Amino acid sequence: MAKAYLEITLKVDDADRASAAGVYNQYKALFLENIKGATSKVLLIRTEDVQVLHSFESTEDAQNYLSSELFNNDVVTALKPYLKDSPDVRIYTVA
């Protein structure tokens, strides 16, 4: 069971949502296979934004992912052309 969630909310134009979803799909398996404590990753699409919900075994694992090469060098770089604003990044602990 997940003990922490990382929620990243992205402002993306409708025209760019398919491309942003492509980035999600491209890196999902790498995330699950290579990031310590990662247990799931889900893409949530709303009218006003797109959210990526990651689950981890601990808040430390979630924080470490945010400083990982996969996140900073690959995911962030691939998403940059589609972002209208800075992402809203939040970590939650399961009570």
PDB file of N, CA and C in Angstrom:
ATOM      1  N   MET A   1       0.833  -1.186   0.000  1.00  0.00           N
ATOM      2  CA  MET A   1       0.000   0.000   0.000  1.00  0.00           C
ATOM      3  C   MET A   1       0.881   1.253   0.000  1.00  0.00           C
ATOM      4  N   ALA A   2       0.469   2.228  -0.770  1.00  0.00           N
ATOM      5  CA  ALA A   2       1.221   3.479  -0.854  1.00  0.00           C
ATOM      6  C   ALA A   2       1.177   4.218   0.477  1.00  0.00           C
ATOM      7  N   LYS A   3       2.294   4.808   0.839  1.00  0.00           N
ATOM      8  CA  LYS A   3       2.373   5.598   2.058  1.00  0.00           C
ATOM      9  C   LYS A   3       2.555   7.073   1.767  1.00  0.00           C
ATOM     10  N   ALA A   4       2.787   7.391   0.466  1.00  0.00           N
ATOM     11  CA  ALA A   4       2.953   8.787   0.059  1.00  0.00           C
ATOM     12  C   ALA A   4       2.526   8.939  -1.392  1.00  0.00           C
ATOM     13  N   TYR A   5       2.017  10.124  -1.684  1.00  0.00           N
ATOM     14  CA  TYR A   5       1.624  10.461  -3.050  1.00  0.00           C
ATOM     15  C   TYR A   5       2.328  11.742  -3.463  1.00  0.00           C
ATOM     16  N   LEU A   6       2.733  11.762  -4.716  1.00  0.00           N
ATOM     17  CA  LEU A   6       3.283  12.957  -5.347  1.00  0.00           C
ATOM     18  C   LEU A   6       2.284  13.355  -6.423  1.00  0.00           C
ATOM     19  N   GLU A   7       1.741  14.555  -6.294  1.00  0.00           N
ATOM     20  CA  GLU A   7       0.779  15.063  -7.263  1.00  0.00           C
ATOM     21  C   GLU A   7       1.422  16.235  -7.999  1.00  0.00           C
ATOM     22  N   ILE A   8       1.475  16.122  -9.319  1.00  0.00           N
ATOM     23  CA  ILE A   8       2.015  17.205 -10.137  1.00  0.00           C
ATOM     24  C   ILE A   8       0.902  17.663 -11.062  1.00  0.00           C
ATOM     25  N   THR A   9       0.508  18.936 -10.909  1.00  0.00           N
ATOM     26  CA  THR A   9      -0.562  19.515 -11.722  1.00  0.00           C
ATOM     27  C   THR A   9       0.064  20.387 -12.798  1.00  0.00           C
ATOM     28  N   LEU A  10      -0.346  20.136 -14.040  1.00  0.00           N
ATOM     29  CA  LEU A  10       0.236  20.811 -15.197  1.00  0.00           C
ATOM     30  C   LEU A  10      -0.834  21.582 -15.955  1.00  0.00           C
ATOM     31  N   LYS A  11      -0.531  22.816 -16.298  1.00  0.00           N
ATOM     32  CA  LYS A  11      -1.398  23.616 -17.165  1.00  0.00           C
ATOM     33  C   LYS A  11      -0.928  23.389 -18.597  1.00  0.00           C
ATOM     34  N   VAL A  12      -1.784  22.755 -19.399  1.00  0.00           N
ATOM     35  CA  VAL A  12      -1.438  22.393 -20.773  1.00  0.00           C
ATOM     36  C   VAL A  12      -2.616  22.770 -21.673  1.00  0.00           C
ATOM     37  N   ASP A  13      -2.328  23.418 -22.800  1.00  0.00           N
ATOM     38  CA  ASP A  13      -3.385  23.739 -23.766  1.00  0.00           C
ATOM     39  C   ASP A  13      -4.019  22.457 -24.298  1.00  0.00           C
ATOM     40  N   ASP A  14      -5.291  22.532 -24.640  1.00  0.00           N
ATOM     41  CA  ASP A  14      -5.994  21.375 -25.191  1.00  0.00           C
ATOM     42  C   ASP A  14      -5.245  20.778 -26.383  1.00  0.00           C
ATOM     43  N   ALA A  15      -4.714  21.622 -27.228  1.00  0.00           N
ATOM     44  CA  ALA A  15      -4.012  21.162 -28.429  1.00  0.00           C
ATOM     45  C   ALA A  15      -2.744  20.367 -28.102  1.00  0.00           C
ATOM     46  N   ASP A  16      -2.190  20.562 -26.897  1.00  0.00           N
ATOM     47  CA  ASP A  16      -0.947  19.894 -26.508  1.00  0.00           C
ATOM     48  C   ASP A  16      -1.154  18.709 -25.567  1.00  0.00           C
ATOM     49  N   ARG A  17      -2.395  18.420 -25.221  1.00  0.00           N
ATOM     50  CA  ARG A  17      -2.646  17.352 -24.242  1.00  0.00           C
ATOM     51  C   ARG A  17      -2.209  15.981 -24.735  1.00  0.00           C
ATOM     52  N   ALA A  18      -2.428  15.687 -25.989  1.00  0.00           N
ATOM     53  CA  ALA A  18      -2.004  14.382 -26.516  1.00  0.00           C
ATOM     54  C   ALA A  18      -0.483  14.246 -26.439  1.00  0.00           C
ATOM     55  N   SER A  19       0.230  15.311 -26.741  1.00  0.00           N
ATOM     56  CA  SER A  19       1.696  15.284 -26.663  1.00  0.00           C
ATOM     57  C   SER A  19       2.168  15.132 -25.222  1.00  0.00           C
ATOM     58  N   ALA A  20       1.532  15.838 -24.300  1.00  0.00           N
ATOM     59  CA  ALA A  20       1.881  15.712 -22.879  1.00  0.00           C
ATOM     60  C   ALA A  20       1.587  14.297 -22.388  1.00  0.00           C
ATOM     61  N   ALA A  21       0.483  13.718 -22.822  1.00  0.00           N
ATOM     62  CA  ALA A  21       0.154  12.337 -22.464  1.00  0.00           C
ATOM     63  C   ALA A  21       1.194  11.376 -23.032  1.00  0.00           C
ATOM     64  N   GLY A  22       1.730  11.710 -24.192  1.00  0.00           N
ATOM     65  CA  GLY A  22       2.784  10.897 -24.781  1.00  0.00           C
ATOM     66  C   GLY A  22       4.029  10.863 -23.913  1.00  0.00           C
ATOM     67  N   VAL A  23       4.357  11.980 -23.286  1.00  0.00           N
ATOM     68  CA  VAL A  23       5.496  12.031 -22.365  1.00  0.00           C
ATOM     69  C   VAL A  23       5.218  11.126 -21.167  1.00  0.00           C
ATOM     70  N   TYR A  24       4.003  11.206 -20.638  1.00  0.00           N
ATOM     71  CA  TYR A  24       3.598  10.341 -19.523  1.00  0.00           C
ATOM     72  C   TYR A  24       3.806   8.876 -19.908  1.00  0.00           C
ATOM     73  N   ASN A  25       3.279   8.484 -21.067  1.00  0.00           N
ATOM     74  CA  ASN A  25       3.381   7.091 -21.510  1.00  0.00           C
ATOM     75  C   ASN A  25       4.827   6.674 -21.758  1.00  0.00           C
ATOM     76  N   GLN A  26       5.635   7.585 -22.277  1.00  0.00           N
ATOM     77  CA  GLN A  26       7.030   7.280 -22.583  1.00  0.00           C
ATOM     78  C   GLN A  26       7.834   6.939 -21.326  1.00  0.00           C
ATOM     79  N   TYR A  27       7.555   7.620 -20.227  1.00  0.00           N
ATOM     80  CA  TYR A  27       8.377   7.466 -19.033  1.00  0.00           C
ATOM     81  C   TYR A  27       7.731   6.670 -17.905  1.00  0.00           C
ATOM     82  N   LYS A  28       6.505   6.232 -18.063  1.00  0.00           N
ATOM     83  CA  LYS A  28       5.819   5.503 -16.989  1.00  0.00           C
ATOM     84  C   LYS A  28       6.559   4.231 -16.598  1.00  0.00           C
ATOM     85  N   ALA A  29       6.889   3.387 -17.560  1.00  0.00           N
ATOM     86  CA  ALA A  29       7.569   2.128 -17.247  1.00  0.00           C
ATOM     87  C   ALA A  29       8.938   2.375 -16.617  1.00  0.00           C
ATOM     88  N   LEU A  30       9.688   3.343 -17.146  1.00  0.00           N
ATOM     89  CA  LEU A  30      10.998   3.658 -16.560  1.00  0.00           C
ATOM     90  C   LEU A  30      10.854   4.101 -15.112  1.00  0.00           C
ATOM     91  N   PHE A  31       9.826   4.903 -14.842  1.00  0.00           N
ATOM     92  CA  PHE A  31       9.546   5.346 -13.476  1.00  0.00           C
ATOM     93  C   PHE A  31       9.299   4.142 -12.571  1.00  0.00           C
ATOM     94  N   LEU A  32       8.395   3.268 -12.982  1.00  0.00           N
ATOM     95  CA  LEU A  32       8.020   2.133 -12.136  1.00  0.00           C
ATOM     96  C   LEU A  32       9.162   1.129 -11.962  1.00  0.00           C
ATOM     97  N   GLU A  33       9.996   0.989 -12.977  1.00  0.00           N
ATOM     98  CA  GLU A  33      11.083   0.013 -12.921  1.00  0.00           C
ATOM     99  C   GLU A  33      12.339   0.537 -12.228  1.00  0.00           C
ATOM    100  N   ASN A  34      12.569   1.851 -12.257  1.00  0.00           N
ATOM    101  CA  ASN A  34      13.864   2.377 -11.822  1.00  0.00           C
ATOM    102  C   ASN A  34      13.842   3.304 -10.614  1.00  0.00           C
ATOM    103  N   ILE A  35      12.692   3.772 -10.213  1.00  0.00           N
ATOM    104  CA  ILE A  35      12.648   4.719  -9.095  1.00  0.00           C
ATOM    105  C   ILE A  35      12.338   3.972  -7.802  1.00  0.00           C
ATOM    106  N   LYS A  36      13.230   4.085  -6.837  1.00  0.00           N
ATOM    107  CA  LYS A  36      13.079   3.402  -5.556  1.00  0.00           C
ATOM    108  C   LYS A  36      11.757   3.797  -4.895  1.00  0.00           C
ATOM    109  N   GLY A  37      11.002   2.798  -4.488  1.00  0.00           N
ATOM    110  CA  GLY A  37       9.759   3.021  -3.753  1.00  0.00           C
ATOM    111  C   GLY A  37       8.552   3.356  -4.597  1.00  0.00           C
ATOM    112  N   ALA A  38       8.704   3.480  -5.914  1.00  0.00           N
ATOM    113  CA  ALA A  38       7.572   3.813  -6.784  1.00  0.00           C
ATOM    114  C   ALA A  38       6.624   2.621  -6.876  1.00  0.00           C
ATOM    115  N   THR A  39       5.314   2.885  -6.707  1.00  0.00           N
ATOM    116  CA  THR A  39       4.344   1.788  -6.777  1.00  0.00           C
ATOM    117  C   THR A  39       3.298   1.981  -7.868  1.00  0.00           C
ATOM    118  N   SER A  40       3.023   3.221  -8.267  1.00  0.00           N
ATOM    119  CA  SER A  40       2.085   3.446  -9.371  1.00  0.00           C
ATOM    120  C   SER A  40       2.236   4.872  -9.902  1.00  0.00           C
ATOM    121  N   LYS A  41       1.667   5.069 -11.092  1.00  0.00           N
ATOM    122  CA  LYS A  41       1.665   6.389 -11.721  1.00  0.00           C
ATOM    123  C   LYS A  41       0.411   6.455 -12.579  1.00  0.00           C
ATOM    124  N   VAL A  42      -0.416   7.501 -12.365  1.00  0.00           N
ATOM    125  CA  VAL A  42      -1.699   7.625 -13.051  1.00  0.00           C
ATOM    126  C   VAL A  42      -1.823   9.023 -13.638  1.00  0.00           C
ATOM    127  N   LEU A  43      -2.335   9.105 -14.861  1.00  0.00           N
ATOM    128  CA  LEU A  43      -2.583  10.378 -15.522  1.00  0.00           C
ATOM    129  C   LEU A  43      -4.057  10.734 -15.356  1.00  0.00           C
ATOM    130  N   LEU A  44      -4.323  11.904 -14.805  1.00  0.00           N
ATOM    131  CA  LEU A  44      -5.688  12.397 -14.574  1.00  0.00           C
ATOM    132  C   LEU A  44      -5.902  13.633 -15.439  1.00  0.00           C
ATOM    133  N   ILE A  45      -6.931  13.596 -16.269  1.00  0.00           N
ATOM    134  CA  ILE A  45      -7.183  14.720 -17.174  1.00  0.00           C
ATOM    135  C   ILE A  45      -8.484  15.401 -16.770  1.00  0.00           C
ATOM    136  N   ARG A  46      -8.386  16.710 -16.550  1.00  0.00           N
ATOM    137  CA  ARG A  46      -9.551  17.528 -16.231  1.00  0.00           C
ATOM    138  C   ARG A  46      -9.641  18.628 -17.272  1.00  0.00           C
ATOM    139  N   THR A  47     -10.759  19.308 -17.314  1.00  0.00           N
ATOM    140  CA  THR A  47     -10.935  20.402 -18.261  1.00  0.00           C
ATOM    141  C   THR A  47      -9.888  21.487 -18.045  1.00  0.00           C
ATOM    142  N   GLU A  48      -9.612  21.802 -16.796  1.00  0.00           N
ATOM    143  CA  GLU A  48      -8.723  22.922 -16.484  1.00  0.00           C
ATOM    144  C   GLU A  48      -7.236  22.569 -16.407  1.00  0.00           C
ATOM    145  N   ASP A  49      -6.901  21.277 -16.255  1.00  0.00           N
ATOM    146  CA  ASP A  49      -5.497  20.904 -16.154  1.00  0.00           C
ATOM    147  C   ASP A  49      -5.318  19.403 -16.311  1.00  0.00           C
ATOM    148  N   VAL A  50      -4.067  18.995 -16.216  1.00  0.00           N
ATOM    149  CA  VAL A  50      -3.688  17.592 -16.258  1.00  0.00           C
ATOM    150  C   VAL A  50      -2.897  17.321 -14.986  1.00  0.00           C
ATOM    151  N   GLN A  51      -3.194  16.197 -14.328  1.00  0.00           N
ATOM    152  CA  GLN A  51      -2.451  15.844 -13.120  1.00  0.00           C
ATOM    153  C   GLN A  51      -1.807  14.477 -13.303  1.00  0.00           C
ATOM    154  N   VAL A  52      -0.623  14.347 -12.735  1.00  0.00           N
ATOM    155  CA  VAL A  52       0.035  13.051 -12.689  1.00  0.00           C
ATOM    156  C   VAL A  52       0.153  12.697 -11.208  1.00  0.00           C
ATOM    157  N   LEU A  53      -0.447  11.569 -10.845  1.00  0.00           N
ATOM    158  CA  LEU A  53      -0.452  11.121  -9.455  1.00  0.00           C
ATOM    159  C   LEU A  53       0.471   9.909  -9.341  1.00  0.00           C
ATOM    160  N   HIS A  54       1.528  10.071  -8.566  1.00  0.00           N
ATOM    161  CA  HIS A  54       2.521   9.014  -8.347  1.00  0.00           C
ATOM    162  C   HIS A  54       2.330   8.493  -6.926  1.00  0.00           C
ATOM    163  N   SER A  55       2.481   7.201  -6.727  1.00  0.00           N
ATOM    164  CA  SER A  55       2.456   6.679  -5.359  1.00  0.00           C
ATOM    165  C   SER A  55       3.805   6.050  -5.030  1.00  0.00           C
ATOM    166  N   PHE A  56       4.166   6.168  -3.757  1.00  0.00           N
ATOM    167  CA  PHE A  56       5.474   5.720  -3.275  1.00  0.00           C
ATOM    168  C   PHE A  56       5.326   5.008  -1.941  1.00  0.00           C
ATOM    169  N   GLU A  57       6.372   4.272  -1.592  1.00  0.00           N
ATOM    170  CA  GLU A  57       6.412   3.596  -0.295  1.00  0.00           C
ATOM    171  C   GLU A  57       6.691   4.566   0.851  1.00  0.00           C
ATOM    172  N   SER A  58       7.271   5.743   0.542  1.00  0.00           N
ATOM    173  CA  SER A  58       7.570   6.722   1.594  1.00  0.00           C
ATOM    174  C   SER A  58       7.638   8.132   1.005  1.00  0.00           C
ATOM    175  N   THR A  59       7.509   9.130   1.867  1.00  0.00           N
ATOM    176  CA  THR A  59       7.659  10.514   1.407  1.00  0.00           C
ATOM    177  C   THR A  59       9.094  10.781   0.962  1.00  0.00           C
ATOM    178  N   GLU A  60      10.044  10.110   1.595  1.00  0.00           N
ATOM    179  CA  GLU A  60      11.445  10.261   1.202  1.00  0.00           C
ATOM    180  C   GLU A  60      11.643   9.794  -0.244  1.00  0.00           C
ATOM    181  N   ASP A  61      11.009   8.680  -0.621  1.00  0.00           N
ATOM    182  CA  ASP A  61      11.103   8.193  -1.996  1.00  0.00           C
ATOM    183  C   ASP A  61      10.521   9.219  -2.970  1.00  0.00           C
ATOM    184  N   ALA A  62       9.402   9.839  -2.606  1.00  0.00           N
ATOM    185  CA  ALA A  62       8.776  10.858  -3.463  1.00  0.00           C
ATOM    186  C   ALA A  62       9.709  12.061  -3.626  1.00  0.00           C
ATOM    187  N   GLN A  63      10.295  12.513  -2.527  1.00  0.00           N
ATOM    188  CA  GLN A  63      11.216  13.648  -2.579  1.00  0.00           C
ATOM    189  C   GLN A  63      12.458  13.317  -3.408  1.00  0.00           C
ATOM    190  N   ASN A  64      12.950  12.099  -3.271  1.00  0.00           N
ATOM    191  CA  ASN A  64      14.128  11.689  -4.036  1.00  0.00           C
ATOM    192  C   ASN A  64      13.826  11.640  -5.530  1.00  0.00           C
ATOM    193  N   TYR A  65      12.634  11.244  -5.900  1.00  0.00           N
ATOM    194  CA  TYR A  65      12.262  11.224  -7.319  1.00  0.00           C
ATOM    195  C   TYR A  65      12.344  12.622  -7.920  1.00  0.00           C
ATOM    196  N   LEU A  66      11.921  13.627  -7.165  1.00  0.00           N
ATOM    197  CA  LEU A  66      11.948  15.003  -7.669  1.00  0.00           C
ATOM    198  C   LEU A  66      13.363  15.508  -7.944  1.00  0.00           C
ATOM    199  N   SER A  67      14.356  14.886  -7.351  1.00  0.00           N
ATOM    200  CA  SER A  67      15.737  15.289  -7.620  1.00  0.00           C
ATOM    201  C   SER A  67      16.471  14.276  -8.506  1.00  0.00           C
ATOM    202  N   SER A  68      15.752  13.299  -9.019  1.00  0.00           N
ATOM    203  CA  SER A  68      16.370  12.260  -9.848  1.00  0.00           C
ATOM    204  C   SER A  68      16.676  12.758 -11.257  1.00  0.00           C
ATOM    205  N   GLU A  69      17.615  12.081 -11.906  1.00  0.00           N
ATOM    206  CA  GLU A  69      17.935  12.393 -13.296  1.00  0.00           C
ATOM    207  C   GLU A  69      16.748  12.125 -14.208  1.00  0.00           C
ATOM    208  N   LEU A  70      16.024  11.041 -13.961  1.00  0.00           N
ATOM    209  CA  LEU A  70      14.861  10.712 -14.788  1.00  0.00           C
ATOM    210  C   LEU A  70      13.856  11.854 -14.773  1.00  0.00           C
ATOM    211  N   PHE A  71      13.566  12.387 -13.606  1.00  0.00           N
ATOM    212  CA  PHE A  71      12.599  13.471 -13.514  1.00  0.00           C
ATOM    213  C   PHE A  71      13.142  14.758 -14.137  1.00  0.00           C
ATOM    214  N   ASN A  72      14.302  15.188 -13.722  1.00  0.00           N
ATOM    215  CA  ASN A  72      14.830  16.492 -14.149  1.00  0.00           C
ATOM    216  C   ASN A  72      15.378  16.523 -15.568  1.00  0.00           C
ATOM    217  N   ASN A  73      16.087  15.492 -15.971  1.00  0.00           N
ATOM    218  CA  ASN A  73      16.722  15.496 -17.286  1.00  0.00           C
ATOM    219  C   ASN A  73      15.817  14.975 -18.392  1.00  0.00           C
ATOM    220  N   ASP A  74      14.896  14.097 -18.059  1.00  0.00           N
ATOM    221  CA  ASP A  74      14.063  13.477 -19.079  1.00  0.00           C
ATOM    222  C   ASP A  74      12.629  14.006 -19.065  1.00  0.00           C
ATOM    223  N   VAL A  75      11.918  13.786 -17.973  1.00  0.00           N
ATOM    224  CA  VAL A  75      10.495  14.142 -17.910  1.00  0.00           C
ATOM    225  C   VAL A  75      10.290  15.654 -18.025  1.00  0.00           C
ATOM    226  N   VAL A  76      10.966  16.416 -17.200  1.00  0.00           N
ATOM    227  CA  VAL A  76      10.789  17.875 -17.213  1.00  0.00           C
ATOM    228  C   VAL A  76      11.183  18.455 -18.570  1.00  0.00           C
ATOM    229  N   THR A  77      12.293  18.003 -19.103  1.00  0.00           N
ATOM    230  CA  THR A  77      12.754  18.490 -20.402  1.00  0.00           C
ATOM    231  C   THR A  77      11.739  18.179 -21.503  1.00  0.00           C
ATOM    232  N   ALA A  78      11.189  16.977 -21.493  1.00  0.00           N
ATOM    233  CA  ALA A  78      10.213  16.577 -22.514  1.00  0.00           C
ATOM    234  C   ALA A  78       8.896  17.343 -22.387  1.00  0.00           C
ATOM    235  N   LEU A  79       8.513  17.705 -21.166  1.00  0.00           N
ATOM    236  CA  LEU A  79       7.240  18.414 -20.946  1.00  0.00           C
ATOM    237  C   LEU A  79       7.322  19.916 -21.179  1.00  0.00           C
ATOM    238  N   LYS A  80       8.494  20.504 -21.053  1.00  0.00           N
ATOM    239  CA  LYS A  80       8.643  21.963 -21.126  1.00  0.00           C
ATOM    240  C   LYS A  80       7.915  22.623 -22.296  1.00  0.00           C
ATOM    241  N   PRO A  81       7.987  22.091 -23.514  1.00  0.00           N
ATOM    242  CA  PRO A  81       7.332  22.776 -24.633  1.00  0.00           C
ATOM    243  C   PRO A  81       5.803  22.867 -24.502  1.00  0.00           C
ATOM    244  N   TYR A  82       5.205  22.048 -23.644  1.00  0.00           N
ATOM    245  CA  TYR A  82       3.745  21.989 -23.541  1.00  0.00           C
ATOM    246  C   TYR A  82       3.183  22.736 -22.332  1.00  0.00           C
ATOM    247  N   LEU A  83       4.032  23.177 -21.430  1.00  0.00           N
ATOM    248  CA  LEU A  83       3.566  23.795 -20.185  1.00  0.00           C
ATOM    249  C   LEU A  83       3.266  25.276 -20.370  1.00  0.00           C
ATOM    250  N   LYS A  84       2.100  25.691 -19.864  1.00  0.00           N
ATOM    251  CA  LYS A  84       1.705  27.100 -19.901  1.00  0.00           C
ATOM    252  C   LYS A  84       2.165  27.842 -18.659  1.00  0.00           C
ATOM    253  N   ASP A  85       2.484  27.115 -17.604  1.00  0.00           N
ATOM    254  CA  ASP A  85       2.838  27.707 -16.322  1.00  0.00           C
ATOM    255  C   ASP A  85       3.718  26.710 -15.576  1.00  0.00           C
ATOM    256  N   SER A  86       4.312  27.136 -14.484  1.00  0.00           N
ATOM    257  CA  SER A  86       5.090  26.219 -13.652  1.00  0.00           C
ATOM    258  C   SER A  86       4.172  25.180 -13.033  1.00  0.00           C
ATOM    259  N   PRO A  87       4.608  23.936 -12.980  1.00  0.00           N
ATOM    260  CA  PRO A  87       3.785  22.880 -12.367  1.00  0.00           C
ATOM    261  C   PRO A  87       3.573  23.138 -10.878  1.00  0.00           C
ATOM    262  N   ASP A  88       2.451  22.679 -10.388  1.00  0.00           N
ATOM    263  CA  ASP A  88       2.166  22.685  -8.947  1.00  0.00           C
ATOM    264  C   ASP A  88       2.530  21.291  -8.435  1.00  0.00           C
ATOM    265  N   VAL A  89       3.523  21.210  -7.550  1.00  0.00           N
ATOM    266  CA  VAL A  89       4.032  19.939  -7.069  1.00  0.00           C
ATOM    267  C   VAL A  89       3.723  19.809  -5.580  1.00  0.00           C
ATOM    268  N   ARG A  90       3.062  18.697  -5.223  1.00  0.00           N
ATOM    269  CA  ARG A  90       2.701  18.476  -3.813  1.00  0.00           C
ATOM    270  C   ARG A  90       2.961  17.028  -3.421  1.00  0.00           C
ATOM    271  N   ILE A  91       3.451  16.835  -2.207  1.00  0.00           N
ATOM    272  CA  ILE A  91       3.644  15.503  -1.661  1.00  0.00           C
ATOM    273  C   ILE A  91       2.699  15.346  -0.490  1.00  0.00           C
ATOM    274  N   TYR A  92       1.986  14.222  -0.480  1.00  0.00           N
ATOM    275  CA  TYR A  92       1.029  13.903   0.582  1.00  0.00           C
ATOM    276  C   TYR A  92       1.466  12.622   1.278  1.00  0.00           C
ATOM    277  N   THR A  93       1.286  12.604   2.596  1.00  0.00           N
ATOM    278  CA  THR A  93       1.524  11.409   3.382  1.00  0.00           C
ATOM    279  C   THR A  93       0.189  10.762   3.684  1.00  0.00           C
ATOM    280  N   VAL A  94       0.122   9.440   3.544  1.00  0.00           N
ATOM    281  CA  VAL A  94      -1.101   8.709   3.834  1.00  0.00           C
ATOM    282  C   VAL A  94      -1.232   8.554   5.344  1.00  0.00           C
ATOM    283  N   ALA A  95      -2.397   8.927   5.864  1.00  0.00           N
ATOM    284  CA  ALA A  95      -2.616   8.838   7.315  1.00  0.00           C
ATOM    285  C   ALA A  95      -3.067   7.450   7.714  1.00  0.00           C
TER     286      ALA A  95
END
